[in-house]
């Protein structure tokens, strides 16, 4: 940390920022006087420059305030990029990948840094296309032994629920904000909307655990651990709503009663088991198709297409293929069991 003697104020903004001139280098920089800050955050950013973060030239503690001198970022805010119709989806995604790279730098610090006020106005894109994450007034060091945030900061509409005192902010807090921005930037892309929905889930436990997972999902990589649904609890019991559980229980009882009552003509044990197995597997396939039980269907091509007709046709084709595959597998298993049984029978 140094002093501020070598800076001459050129312009003072109403929000407390000042445009200053370094009298030695003649560089025009930005000076900010902060009332709310985490000194550890600024100390780390000062000592560890990153291309996604404005370079910090000076940090000076003055009483209860912190004065920060950093590069002046010229460009447009991220909302311009998010809504620019002249950009292709691929180009917009590239800006998001830069944003994720910047967040990864923060989150991978020895003491992870959580921005906590990530929003389009706090993300700049320079004239040469470089994404810069700015304004670290609300940023904090993540502390594993802390239950909640001591100060609730953030911006309504972008701040994650835990920032309102429910629990401590962690990297998933910033992921929530990215999810909100993704949803706004790609309104017609069903696959990205699904990624955005998971990223901005109310419960942090249901979001992507880190920036790497979110990046992989945005690139379309299949991550079984993060994209498939858990098998338990089954459909109908996941939301714990009584009426859904009642309907699900009724359907399961009827289905298993029907499967249990099915019997092949002649009453042979192996034939009865074969028929029951076919209907059980068909029921499970139908359950997966109708309720996205495992989430496998959502990962297949065209299942998240913005055209509903294409989604319906794709689902019908995949369903027919699933039925066929299930029946073939059961028939092969049955044939193998019968062959083994006959070989053992004199």
Protein backbone atom coordinates (compact mmCIF):
# COMPACT_ATOMS: atom_id res chain seq x y z
CA UNK A 1 0.00 0.00 0.00
CA UNK A 2 1.21 3.49 -0.85
CA UNK A 3 0.07 7.11 -0.56
CA UNK A 4 -2.03 9.27 -2.86
CA UNK A 5 0.32 12.23 -3.31
CA UNK A 6 1.10 11.37 -6.92
CA UNK A 7 -2.49 11.72 -8.15
CA UNK A 8 -4.30 14.79 -9.43
CA UNK A 9 -8.10 14.81 -9.50
CA UNK A 10 -9.52 15.54 -12.96
CA UNK A 11 -13.21 14.96 -12.36
CA UNK A 12 -15.37 14.03 -9.35
CA UNK A 13 -18.47 11.87 -9.84
CA UNK A 14 -21.57 12.11 -7.63
CA UNK A 15 -21.15 8.52 -6.40
CA UNK A 16 -17.80 9.37 -4.81
CA UNK A 17 -15.53 8.14 -7.59
CA UNK A 18 -12.91 10.40 -9.10
CA UNK A 19 -11.08 10.45 -12.39
CA UNK A 20 -7.43 11.04 -11.47
CA UNK A 21 -4.14 11.59 -13.27
CA UNK A 22 -0.95 9.82 -12.22
CA UNK A 23 1.45 12.76 -12.35
CA UNK A 24 4.42 10.45 -12.98
CA UNK A 25 3.12 8.11 -15.68
CA UNK A 26 0.40 10.47 -17.01
CA UNK A 27 -2.09 7.58 -16.88
CA UNK A 28 -5.74 8.47 -16.29
CA UNK A 29 -7.11 6.17 -13.58
CA UNK A 30 -10.18 5.71 -11.39
CA UNK A 31 -10.10 6.47 -7.65
CA UNK A 32 -12.81 5.07 -5.37
CA UNK A 33 -13.48 5.79 -1.70
CA UNK A 34 -15.20 2.80 -0.13
CA UNK A 35 -17.24 2.68 3.07
CA UNK A 36 -18.07 -1.02 2.71
CA UNK A 37 -15.22 -3.33 1.81
CA UNK A 38 -13.28 -6.45 2.70
CA UNK A 39 -9.65 -5.37 2.89
CA UNK A 40 -8.43 -8.93 2.28
CA UNK A 41 -10.22 -8.95 -1.09
CA UNK A 42 -8.55 -5.80 -2.34
CA UNK A 43 -5.18 -6.86 -0.96
CA UNK A 44 -5.38 -10.14 -2.91
CA UNK A 45 -6.49 -8.41 -6.13
CA UNK A 46 -3.67 -5.87 -5.74
CA UNK A 47 -1.03 -8.57 -5.34
CA UNK A 48 -2.48 -10.95 -7.96
CA UNK A 49 -3.40 -9.08 -11.17
CA UNK A 50 -5.81 -10.79 -13.56
CA UNK A 51 -6.89 -9.77 -17.05
CA UNK A 52 -10.55 -10.08 -16.05
CA UNK A 53 -10.15 -7.66 -13.12
CA UNK A 54 -9.23 -3.95 -13.37
CA UNK A 55 -5.60 -3.58 -12.29
CA UNK A 56 -5.27 -2.02 -8.84
CA UNK A 57 -2.46 0.53 -8.53
CA UNK A 58 -2.93 1.75 -4.95
CA UNK A 59 -4.76 0.74 -1.78
CA UNK A 60 -4.76 3.27 1.06
CA UNK A 61 -6.65 2.93 4.34
CA UNK A 62 -7.90 6.34 5.56
CA UNK A 63 -9.73 6.04 8.85
CA UNK A 64 -12.69 3.72 8.33
CA UNK A 65 -12.60 4.08 4.55
CA UNK A 66 -10.50 2.41 1.87
CA UNK A 67 -9.22 4.38 -1.12
CA UNK A 68 -8.60 2.27 -4.23
CA UNK A 69 -6.89 3.50 -7.39
CA UNK A 70 -7.44 1.20 -10.36
CA UNK A 71 -7.51 1.14 -14.15
CA UNK A 72 -10.35 3.01 -15.77
CA UNK A 73 -12.40 0.53 -17.81
CA UNK A 74 -13.80 1.87 -21.07
CA UNK A 75 -16.50 -0.05 -22.90
CA UNK A 76 -20.11 -1.19 -22.53
CA UNK A 77 -21.89 -2.92 -19.67
CA UNK A 78 -22.83 -6.58 -20.01
CA UNK A 79 -26.54 -5.91 -20.55
CA UNK A 80 -25.64 -4.43 -23.95
CA UNK A 81 -23.95 -7.71 -24.90
CA UNK A 82 -26.84 -9.77 -23.52
CA UNK A 83 -29.42 -7.98 -25.69
CA UNK A 84 -27.35 -7.21 -28.81
CA UNK A 85 -29.29 -8.86 -31.66
CA UNK A 86 -26.35 -8.43 -34.03
CA UNK A 87 -24.36 -10.99 -32.01
CA UNK A 88 -24.79 -14.69 -32.68
CA UNK A 89 -25.49 -17.08 -29.81
CA UNK A 90 -21.96 -18.41 -30.16
CA UNK A 91 -20.52 -14.90 -29.79
CA UNK A 92 -22.64 -14.16 -26.72
CA UNK A 93 -21.58 -17.45 -25.17
CA UNK A 94 -17.93 -16.53 -25.65
CA UNK A 95 -18.47 -13.46 -23.49
CA UNK A 96 -20.08 -15.64 -20.83
CA UNK A 97 -17.10 -18.00 -20.96
CA UNK A 98 -14.84 -15.02 -20.28
CA UNK A 99 -17.06 -14.07 -17.35
CA UNK A 100 -16.78 -17.61 -15.97
CA UNK A 101 -12.99 -17.50 -16.36
CA UNK A 102 -12.93 -14.32 -14.30
CA UNK A 103 -15.13 -15.84 -11.62
CA UNK A 104 -12.96 -18.94 -11.54
CA UNK A 105 -9.96 -16.72 -10.77
CA UNK A 106 -11.84 -15.24 -7.80
CA UNK A 107 -13.26 -18.52 -6.51
CA UNK A 108 -9.96 -20.40 -6.81
CA UNK A 109 -8.06 -17.93 -4.62
CA UNK A 110 -6.44 -19.54 -1.53
CA UNK A 111 -9.26 -17.89 0.37
CA UNK A 112 -12.12 -17.94 -2.17
CA UNK A 113 -13.45 -14.49 -3.09
CA UNK A 114 -17.21 -14.18 -3.58
CA UNK A 115 -18.28 -11.11 -5.58
CA UNK A 116 -21.84 -11.05 -4.14
CA UNK A 117 -23.03 -8.22 -6.40
CA UNK A 118 -22.62 -9.78 -9.82
CA UNK A 119 -24.98 -8.11 -12.30
CA UNK A 120 -24.76 -6.73 -15.85
CA UNK A 121 -23.84 -3.22 -14.68
CA UNK A 122 -20.87 -4.63 -12.75
CA UNK A 123 -19.47 -6.41 -15.80
CA UNK A 124 -17.80 -4.40 -18.55
CA UNK A 125 -16.77 -5.40 -22.05
CA UNK A 126 -13.93 -3.27 -23.39
CA UNK A 127 -13.64 -2.03 -26.95
CA UNK A 128 -11.31 -4.95 -27.76
CA UNK A 129 -13.81 -7.52 -26.42
CA UNK A 130 -12.25 -8.16 -23.01
CA UNK A 131 -14.69 -8.93 -20.18
CA UNK A 132 -13.89 -7.13 -16.91
CA UNK A 133 -15.60 -7.83 -13.57
CA UNK A 134 -15.75 -4.55 -11.64
CA UNK A 135 -16.95 -3.14 -8.29
CA UNK A 136 -15.87 -5.32 -5.37
CA UNK A 137 -17.56 -3.25 -2.66
CA UNK A 138 -19.76 -6.21 -1.67
CA UNK A 139 -17.09 -8.88 -2.25
CA UNK A 140 -15.98 -11.00 0.68
CA UNK A 141 -13.65 -13.81 1.60
CA UNK A 142 -15.45 -17.13 2.02
CA UNK A 143 -15.01 -18.53 5.53
CA UNK A 144 -15.91 -22.22 5.90
CA UNK A 145 -16.68 -21.91 9.62
CA UNK A 146 -19.21 -19.09 9.19
CA UNK A 147 -22.94 -19.84 9.09
CA UNK A 148 -24.20 -16.66 7.42
CA UNK A 149 -23.12 -13.28 6.05
CA UNK A 150 -22.48 -10.60 8.65
CA UNK A 151 -23.64 -7.93 6.17
CA UNK A 152 -26.39 -8.53 3.63
CA UNK A 153 -25.36 -6.86 0.37
CA UNK A 154 -26.35 -7.36 -3.24
CA UNK A 155 -28.89 -6.14 -5.78
CA UNK A 156 -32.52 -7.27 -5.93
CA UNK A 157 -33.17 -9.41 -8.99
CA UNK A 158 -29.60 -10.66 -9.12
CA UNK A 159 -28.80 -11.45 -5.48
CA UNK A 160 -29.15 -15.10 -4.42
CA UNK A 161 -31.65 -15.96 -1.64
CA UNK A 162 -28.89 -16.81 0.84
CA UNK A 163 -27.69 -13.19 0.65
CA UNK A 164 -30.76 -12.17 2.63
CA UNK A 165 -29.50 -13.87 5.77
CA UNK A 166 -30.46 -17.52 5.20
CA UNK A 167 -26.87 -18.78 5.06
CA UNK A 168 -23.34 -17.74 4.14
CA UNK A 169 -22.55 -16.75 0.55
CA UNK A 170 -20.22 -19.10 -1.31
CA UNK A 171 -19.22 -19.60 -5.00
CA UNK A 172 -22.75 -20.81 -5.77
CA UNK A 173 -23.97 -17.30 -4.89
CA UNK A 174 -22.17 -15.85 -7.92
CA UNK A 175 -23.30 -18.83 -10.02
CA UNK A 176 -26.90 -17.85 -9.19
CA UNK A 177 -26.37 -14.40 -10.75
CA UNK A 178 -24.78 -15.91 -13.87
CA UNK A 179 -27.83 -18.17 -14.21
CA UNK A 180 -30.13 -15.15 -14.13
CA UNK A 181 -28.07 -13.45 -16.83
CA UNK A 182 -28.03 -16.59 -18.99
CA UNK A 183 -31.81 -16.81 -18.82
CA UNK A 184 -32.11 -13.22 -20.01
CA UNK A 185 -29.44 -13.48 -22.72
CA UNK A 186 -30.75 -16.69 -24.36
CA UNK A 187 -34.58 -16.56 -24.06
CA UNK A 188 -35.18 -18.83 -27.07
CA UNK A 189 -32.56 -21.50 -26.35
CA UNK A 190 -34.25 -24.30 -24.42
CA UNK A 191 -31.02 -26.07 -23.49
CA UNK A 192 -29.40 -22.93 -22.08
CA UNK A 193 -32.64 -22.09 -20.27
CA UNK A 194 -32.37 -25.43 -18.50
CA UNK A 195 -28.75 -24.67 -17.57
CA UNK A 196 -29.80 -21.21 -16.35
CA UNK A 197 -32.62 -22.70 -14.28
CA UNK A 198 -30.26 -25.07 -12.49
CA UNK A 199 -27.66 -22.34 -11.95
CA UNK A 200 -30.25 -20.03 -10.38
CA UNK A 201 -32.09 -22.63 -8.30
CA UNK A 202 -33.42 -21.28 -4.98
CA UNK A 203 -31.58 -23.97 -3.03
CA UNK A 204 -27.77 -23.68 -3.38
CA UNK A 205 -27.52 -27.47 -3.04
CA UNK A 206 -29.38 -27.84 -6.35
CA UNK A 207 -27.13 -25.43 -8.29
CA UNK A 208 -23.87 -26.20 -10.07
CA UNK A 209 -21.25 -26.64 -7.36
CA UNK A 210 -18.58 -24.60 -9.10
CA UNK A 211 -17.80 -22.54 -12.19
CA UNK A 212 -16.26 -25.56 -13.94
CA UNK A 213 -19.53 -27.48 -13.82
CA UNK A 214 -21.46 -24.49 -15.14
CA UNK A 215 -18.95 -24.00 -17.96
CA UNK A 216 -19.22 -27.68 -18.97
CA UNK A 217 -23.01 -27.49 -18.94
CA UNK A 218 -22.97 -24.35 -21.07
CA UNK A 219 -20.67 -26.09 -23.55
CA UNK A 220 -23.15 -28.95 -23.75
CA UNK A 221 -20.98 -31.56 -22.09
CA UNK A 222 -22.91 -34.35 -20.40
CA UNK A 223 -22.15 -34.45 -16.69
CA UNK A 224 -24.03 -37.37 -15.17
CA UNK A 225 -23.36 -36.13 -11.65
CA UNK A 226 -24.81 -32.68 -12.28
CA UNK A 227 -27.40 -33.12 -15.05
CA UNK A 228 -29.18 -36.40 -14.31
CA UNK A 229 -31.88 -36.45 -11.68
CA UNK A 230 -31.54 -38.62 -8.57
CA UNK A 231 -33.61 -41.82 -8.69
CA UNK A 232 -34.91 -41.25 -5.17
CA UNK A 233 -37.38 -39.87 -4.26
CA UNK A 234 -39.45 -40.98 -7.28
CA UNK A 235 -41.71 -38.65 -9.30
CA UNK A 236 -44.57 -37.30 -7.24
CA UNK A 237 -42.60 -37.24 -3.98
CA UNK A 238 -39.86 -34.76 -4.89
CA UNK A 239 -41.73 -31.54 -4.04
CA UNK A 240 -43.35 -33.04 -0.90
CA UNK A 241 -46.70 -31.54 -1.93
CA UNK A 242 -49.44 -33.72 -0.44
CA UNK A 243 -51.70 -33.79 -3.50
CA UNK A 244 -48.85 -34.83 -5.81
CA UNK A 245 -47.78 -37.57 -3.40
CA UNK A 246 -51.38 -38.80 -3.15
CA UNK A 247 -51.75 -39.02 -6.94
CA UNK A 248 -48.34 -40.68 -7.31
CA UNK A 249 -49.13 -43.24 -4.60
CA UNK A 250 -52.43 -44.08 -6.32
CA UNK A 251 -50.70 -44.53 -9.71
CA UNK A 252 -47.91 -46.69 -8.25
CA UNK A 253 -50.35 -48.94 -6.36
CA UNK A 254 -52.56 -49.44 -9.44
CA UNK A 255 -49.55 -50.08 -11.70
CA UNK A 256 -47.92 -52.64 -9.43
CA UNK A 257 -51.27 -54.31 -8.69
CA UNK A 258 -51.84 -54.65 -12.45
CA UNK A 259 -48.31 -55.98 -13.04
CA UNK A 260 -48.66 -58.42 -10.16
CA UNK A 261 -51.97 -59.73 -11.49
CA UNK A 262 -50.66 -60.41 -15.00
CA UNK A 263 -50.18 -64.09 -15.73
CA UNK A 264 -49.26 -65.94 -18.90
CA UNK A 265 -51.59 -68.59 -20.25
CA UNK A 266 -50.57 -71.96 -18.92
CA UNK A 267 -49.28 -70.57 -15.65
CA UNK A 268 -45.58 -71.43 -16.02
CA UNK A 269 -43.46 -69.57 -13.48
CA UNK A 270 -40.78 -68.45 -15.93
CA UNK A 271 -43.38 -67.22 -18.43
CA UNK A 272 -45.21 -65.26 -15.73
CA UNK A 273 -41.98 -63.63 -14.54
CA UNK A 274 -41.08 -62.77 -18.14
CA UNK A 275 -44.41 -61.03 -18.78
CA UNK A 276 -44.24 -59.18 -15.45
CA UNK A 277 -40.69 -58.00 -16.20
CA UNK A 278 -41.74 -56.62 -19.59
CA UNK A 279 -44.65 -54.64 -18.13
CA UNK A 280 -42.56 -53.41 -15.19
CA UNK A 281 -39.84 -52.11 -17.50
CA UNK A 282 -42.41 -50.51 -19.80
CA UNK A 283 -44.00 -48.78 -16.80
CA UNK A 284 -40.61 -47.42 -15.71
CA UNK A 285 -39.90 -46.17 -19.24
CA UNK A 286 -43.29 -44.42 -19.35
CA UNK A 287 -42.57 -42.90 -15.94
CA UNK A 288 -39.25 -41.56 -17.22
CA UNK A 289 -40.83 -40.17 -20.39
CA UNK A 290 -43.75 -38.44 -18.69
CA UNK A 291 -42.04 -37.19 -15.52
CA UNK A 292 -38.36 -36.79 -16.50
CA UNK A 293 -37.53 -39.25 -13.72
CA UNK A 294 -33.86 -39.70 -14.60
CA UNK A 295 -33.47 -36.66 -16.87
CA UNK A 296 -31.84 -38.80 -19.58
CA UNK A 297 -34.34 -37.66 -22.21
CA UNK A 298 -33.49 -34.00 -21.60
CA UNK A 299 -29.87 -34.69 -22.62
CA UNK A 300 -30.76 -36.13 -26.02
CA UNK A 301 -30.59 -34.05 -29.24
CA UNK A 302 -33.63 -31.87 -30.03
CA UNK A 303 -35.26 -32.48 -26.64
CA UNK A 304 -34.66 -28.87 -25.60
CA UNK A 305 -35.34 -27.38 -29.04
CA UNK A 306 -37.27 -24.10 -29.00
CA UNK A 307 -39.80 -25.54 -31.51
CA UNK A 308 -42.37 -27.57 -29.54
CA UNK A 309 -43.30 -29.67 -32.60
CA UNK A 310 -39.69 -30.81 -32.98
CA UNK A 311 -39.56 -31.64 -29.25
CA UNK A 312 -42.73 -33.75 -29.49
CA UNK A 313 -41.53 -35.65 -32.57
CA UNK A 314 -38.14 -36.27 -30.94
CA UNK A 315 -39.78 -37.56 -27.77
CA UNK A 316 -42.02 -39.95 -29.72
CA UNK A 317 -39.04 -41.32 -31.66
CA UNK A 318 -36.93 -41.74 -28.52
CA UNK A 319 -39.87 -43.36 -26.70
CA UNK A 320 -40.42 -45.91 -29.46
CA UNK A 321 -36.70 -46.67 -29.48
CA UNK A 322 -36.68 -47.05 -25.69
CA UNK A 323 -39.63 -49.48 -25.77
CA UNK A 324 -37.95 -51.54 -28.49
CA UNK A 325 -34.60 -51.65 -26.67
CA UNK A 326 -36.23 -52.64 -23.36
CA UNK A 327 -38.21 -55.48 -24.97
CA UNK A 328 -35.13 -56.75 -26.86
CA UNK A 329 -33.02 -56.72 -23.68
CA UNK A 330 -35.68 -58.58 -21.68
CA UNK A 331 -36.12 -61.14 -24.47
CA UNK A 332 -32.37 -61.74 -24.61
CA UNK A 333 -32.19 -62.15 -20.84
CA UNK A 334 -35.19 -64.50 -20.91
CA UNK A 335 -33.67 -66.55 -23.75
CA UNK A 336 -30.38 -66.82 -21.87
CA UNK A 337 -32.09 -67.92 -18.66
CA UNK A 338 -34.21 -70.51 -20.51
CA UNK A 339 -31.15 -71.85 -22.36
CA UNK A 340 -29.28 -72.22 -19.09
CA UNK A 341 -32.32 -73.84 -17.45
CA UNK A 342 -32.77 -76.33 -20.31
CA UNK A 343 -29.08 -77.25 -20.26
CA UNK A 344 -29.39 -78.18 -16.59
CA UNK A 345 -32.61 -80.14 -17.08
CA UNK A 346 -32.11 -83.83 -18.00
